Amino acid sequence: MGSPLIEKQGIDLIAIDSKTALSLIASHVSALANSQGGTLIFGLKPNGKIIGVFLDEVKEIWNRLLQEFTSQPFDHSTSSFIEKNSYLFRVDIHSSQKRIQAKSDSGEWKTYIRLNNQTLLSNKITEKAHQYSLRSESLAFDLDKIEQVKGMFVNMEQGLSLSQCYKKCQNIVKPKELDKLLAYMVSEKSIYPISVGQQIYFKLS
């Protein structure tokens, strides 16, 4: 039997070490449940290094997360296993029909989505980009407008918020069309979104 760390193609795996804040773990839970599902591995660093966990401790952490940091129950399963003489704790999260929210450090409930292997705040652009990424057929957009929109990100090292994008593109495209263009560009990885506080910023890839 193969290692439980080896995932089927297309399954999203997130490594969680023992110092990860509950609010951050909850954001990943929300993102996976609100997207295509995926797997959390406790006791694994993002670089793949195995550090292991104390099973009783991590189960207590997981139970607290379920009770205090997620908005409602969601479909998941847990298991533990040994890899290189260390215990690891695995959580398989399934895609949810209901929106799962996560509690932030400030106590606010926020909705997240998983896109291009990133956990992001959910907004109309990231949601639409996620929909585009699941489509099997190609999408038709005006390439000249895409290049014009892409040009506004040049030399913008901090990225642009959605309101800044609207302002810069007011003479290129209307807001609704810009929403679609930005979502398409995110799904194609020509720009990428980053969560900053309560906002999403977009930067050139």
Protein backbone atom coordinates (compact mmCIF):
# COMPACT_ATOMS: atom_id res chain seq x y z
CA MET A 1 0.00 0.00 0.00
CA GLY A 2 1.31 3.45 -0.89
CA SER A 3 2.04 6.20 1.54
CA PRO A 4 -0.99 8.23 2.78
CA LEU A 5 1.03 11.34 1.81
CA ILE A 6 0.83 10.43 -1.85
CA GLU A 7 -2.32 12.04 -3.19
CA LYS A 8 -4.33 11.28 -6.28
CA GLN A 9 -3.80 13.77 -9.06
CA GLY A 10 -5.97 16.85 -8.55
CA ILE A 11 -6.36 16.50 -4.77
CA ASP A 12 -5.32 19.63 -2.89
CA LEU A 13 -3.02 18.91 0.08
CA ILE A 14 -2.18 21.50 2.76
CA ALA A 15 0.58 20.89 5.32
CA ILE A 16 -0.14 22.00 8.90
CA ASP A 17 2.54 22.16 11.58
CA SER A 18 2.00 22.31 15.34
CA LYS A 19 2.45 26.10 15.51
CA THR A 20 -0.24 26.95 12.95
CA ALA A 21 -2.94 29.23 14.41
CA LEU A 22 -6.44 27.81 14.66
CA SER A 23 -7.84 30.73 12.65
CA LEU A 24 -5.46 29.93 9.77
CA ILE A 25 -6.34 26.23 9.85
CA ALA A 26 -10.02 27.20 9.84
CA SER A 27 -9.47 29.40 6.77
CA HIS A 28 -8.01 26.40 4.92
CA VAL A 29 -10.97 24.26 6.04
CA SER A 30 -13.41 26.88 4.75
CA ALA A 31 -11.52 27.21 1.46
CA LEU A 32 -11.39 23.47 0.78
CA ALA A 33 -15.02 22.87 1.75
CA ASN A 34 -16.17 25.77 -0.43
CA SER A 35 -14.15 24.52 -3.39
CA GLN A 36 -13.38 20.99 -4.55
CA GLY A 37 -12.33 19.59 -1.21
CA GLY A 38 -8.86 18.44 -0.25
CA THR A 39 -6.64 17.17 2.55
CA LEU A 40 -4.97 18.62 5.62
CA ILE A 41 -1.92 16.84 7.03
CA PHE A 42 -1.01 17.79 10.60
CA GLY A 43 2.66 17.24 11.43
CA LEU A 44 4.01 18.21 8.03
CA LYS A 45 5.79 21.44 7.11
CA PRO A 46 4.96 23.19 3.81
CA ASN A 47 8.35 22.12 2.44
CA GLY A 48 7.41 18.47 3.03
CA LYS A 49 9.54 17.97 6.14
CA ILE A 50 7.89 15.58 8.59
CA ILE A 51 7.84 16.88 12.17
CA GLY A 52 5.06 14.69 13.57
CA VAL A 53 2.37 15.38 16.17
CA PHE A 54 1.12 14.16 19.53
CA LEU A 55 -2.16 12.52 18.54
CA ASP A 56 -4.12 13.38 21.69
CA GLU A 57 -3.06 17.02 21.36
CA VAL A 58 -3.91 17.37 17.67
CA LYS A 59 -7.28 15.67 18.13
CA GLU A 60 -8.08 18.17 20.87
CA ILE A 61 -7.06 21.00 18.54
CA TRP A 62 -9.23 19.62 15.75
CA ASN A 63 -12.26 19.24 18.03
CA ARG A 64 -11.85 22.81 19.25
CA LEU A 65 -11.66 24.03 15.67
CA LEU A 66 -14.91 22.24 14.82
CA GLN A 67 -16.68 23.71 17.85
CA GLU A 68 -15.36 27.27 17.81
CA PHE A 69 -13.79 28.19 14.46
CA THR A 70 -16.11 26.83 11.76
CA SER A 71 -19.63 28.13 11.16
CA GLN A 72 -21.39 24.78 10.75
CA PRO A 73 -20.69 21.05 10.38
CA PHE A 74 -19.14 19.84 7.13
CA ASP A 75 -18.41 16.45 5.60
CA HIS A 76 -14.94 15.19 6.51
CA SER A 77 -13.05 12.16 7.79
CA THR A 78 -9.94 11.82 9.96
CA SER A 79 -7.20 9.23 10.27
CA SER A 80 -3.74 8.91 11.76
CA PHE A 81 -0.70 7.08 10.49
CA ILE A 82 3.05 6.74 10.95
CA GLU A 83 5.51 8.13 8.44
CA LYS A 84 9.27 7.95 9.10
CA ASN A 85 8.65 7.02 12.75
CA SER A 86 6.42 10.06 13.35
CA TYR A 87 2.67 10.28 13.86
CA LEU A 88 0.71 12.36 11.36
CA PHE A 89 -2.95 13.30 11.47
CA ARG A 90 -4.90 13.45 8.23
CA VAL A 91 -8.21 15.24 7.57
CA ASP A 92 -10.00 14.68 4.26
CA ILE A 93 -12.46 17.51 3.62
CA HIS A 94 -15.21 17.07 1.05
CA SER A 95 -16.80 19.77 -1.06
CA SER A 96 -19.77 21.29 0.76
CA GLN A 97 -23.14 22.32 -0.65
CA LYS A 98 -23.39 24.95 2.10
CA ARG A 99 -20.93 27.81 2.52
CA ILE A 100 -18.54 27.16 5.39
CA GLN A 101 -17.16 30.20 7.18
CA ALA A 102 -14.10 30.46 9.41
CA LYS A 103 -13.60 32.62 12.49
CA SER A 104 -10.71 35.08 12.20
CA ASP A 105 -8.41 36.21 15.03
CA SER A 106 -10.65 39.25 15.46
CA GLY A 107 -13.71 37.04 15.89
CA GLU A 108 -15.23 37.86 12.49
CA TRP A 109 -16.71 35.12 10.34
CA LYS A 110 -15.21 35.04 6.85
CA THR A 111 -15.72 32.91 3.75
CA TYR A 112 -12.70 31.53 1.90
CA ILE A 113 -12.13 29.73 -1.38
CA ARG A 114 -9.27 27.61 -2.69
CA LEU A 115 -7.88 28.77 -6.03
CA ASN A 116 -4.60 27.89 -7.77
CA ASN A 117 -3.38 26.20 -4.55
CA GLN A 118 -4.02 29.36 -2.54
CA THR A 119 -6.47 30.00 0.28
CA LEU A 120 -8.19 33.31 -0.52
CA LEU A 121 -11.00 35.44 0.79
CA SER A 122 -14.11 34.81 -1.24
CA ASN A 123 -15.35 37.70 -3.38
CA LYS A 124 -17.04 37.99 -6.75
CA ILE A 125 -13.73 37.80 -8.65
CA THR A 126 -12.25 34.79 -6.87
CA GLU A 127 -15.61 32.97 -7.01
CA LYS A 128 -15.94 33.57 -10.75
CA ALA A 129 -12.28 32.61 -11.32
CA HIS A 130 -12.95 29.35 -9.50
CA GLN A 131 -15.94 28.69 -11.79
CA TYR A 132 -13.82 29.44 -14.85
CA SER A 133 -11.06 27.09 -13.66
CA LEU A 134 -13.56 24.20 -13.57
CA ARG A 135 -14.79 24.68 -17.13
CA SER A 136 -13.58 22.18 -19.70
CA GLU A 137 -14.31 24.39 -22.72
CA SER A 138 -12.20 27.42 -23.58
CA LEU A 139 -13.49 30.93 -22.91
CA ALA A 140 -13.46 33.70 -25.52
CA PHE A 141 -12.27 37.14 -24.43
CA ASP A 142 -10.94 40.19 -26.27
CA LEU A 143 -7.16 39.69 -26.20
CA ASP A 144 -6.48 43.39 -26.82
CA LYS A 145 -8.52 44.35 -23.76
CA ILE A 146 -6.77 41.68 -21.71
CA GLU A 147 -3.39 43.17 -22.65
CA GLN A 148 -4.64 46.66 -21.81
CA VAL A 149 -5.90 45.50 -18.43
CA LYS A 150 -2.67 43.61 -17.78
CA GLY A 151 -0.73 46.78 -18.52
CA MET A 152 -2.24 48.59 -15.54
CA PHE A 153 -0.46 46.19 -13.19
CA VAL A 154 3.03 47.02 -14.51
CA ASN A 155 5.22 48.59 -11.80
CA MET A 156 2.47 48.09 -9.21
CA GLU A 157 4.52 46.09 -6.73
CA GLN A 158 1.84 46.25 -4.01
CA GLY A 159 -0.84 45.15 -6.46
CA LEU A 160 -4.22 46.78 -7.04
CA SER A 161 -7.47 46.45 -5.14
CA LEU A 162 -10.68 45.87 -7.08
CA SER A 163 -11.75 49.50 -6.62
CA GLN A 164 -8.35 50.65 -7.95
CA CYS A 165 -8.78 48.33 -10.94
CA TYR A 166 -12.18 49.86 -11.69
CA LYS A 167 -10.71 53.37 -11.55
CA LYS A 168 -7.73 52.57 -13.77
CA CYS A 169 -9.84 50.70 -16.33
CA GLN A 170 -12.82 53.04 -16.55
CA ASN A 171 -11.83 54.07 -20.09
CA ILE A 172 -11.09 50.48 -21.20
CA VAL A 173 -14.00 48.31 -20.02
CA LYS A 174 -17.14 48.58 -17.94
CA PRO A 175 -17.04 47.21 -14.37
CA LYS A 176 -19.06 44.04 -15.12
CA GLU A 177 -16.83 43.18 -18.08
CA LEU A 178 -13.74 43.95 -16.00
CA ASP A 179 -14.97 41.49 -13.35
CA LYS A 180 -15.06 38.75 -15.99
CA LEU A 181 -11.66 39.72 -17.43
CA LEU A 182 -9.99 39.75 -14.00
CA ALA A 183 -11.55 36.40 -13.10
CA TYR A 184 -10.38 34.91 -16.39
CA MET A 185 -6.85 36.29 -15.90
CA VAL A 186 -6.74 34.82 -12.39
CA SER A 187 -7.94 31.43 -13.64
CA GLU A 188 -5.24 31.54 -16.35
CA LYS A 189 -2.62 32.60 -13.76
CA SER A 190 -1.60 35.74 -15.66
CA ILE A 191 -2.42 37.69 -12.49
CA TYR A 192 -2.78 36.34 -8.97
CA PRO A 193 -4.89 37.48 -6.02
CA ILE A 194 -3.59 37.95 -2.50
CA SER A 195 -5.65 38.48 0.66
CA VAL A 196 -4.70 41.64 2.58
CA GLY A 197 -6.89 42.29 5.59
CA GLN A 198 -10.47 42.55 4.35
CA GLN A 199 -9.50 43.02 0.70
CA ILE A 200 -8.20 41.10 -2.28
CA TYR A 201 -5.33 42.66 -4.23
CA PHE A 202 -4.25 41.57 -7.70
CA LYS A 203 -0.67 41.40 -8.96
CA LEU A 204 1.06 40.34 -12.15
CA SER A 205 2.28 36.74 -12.07
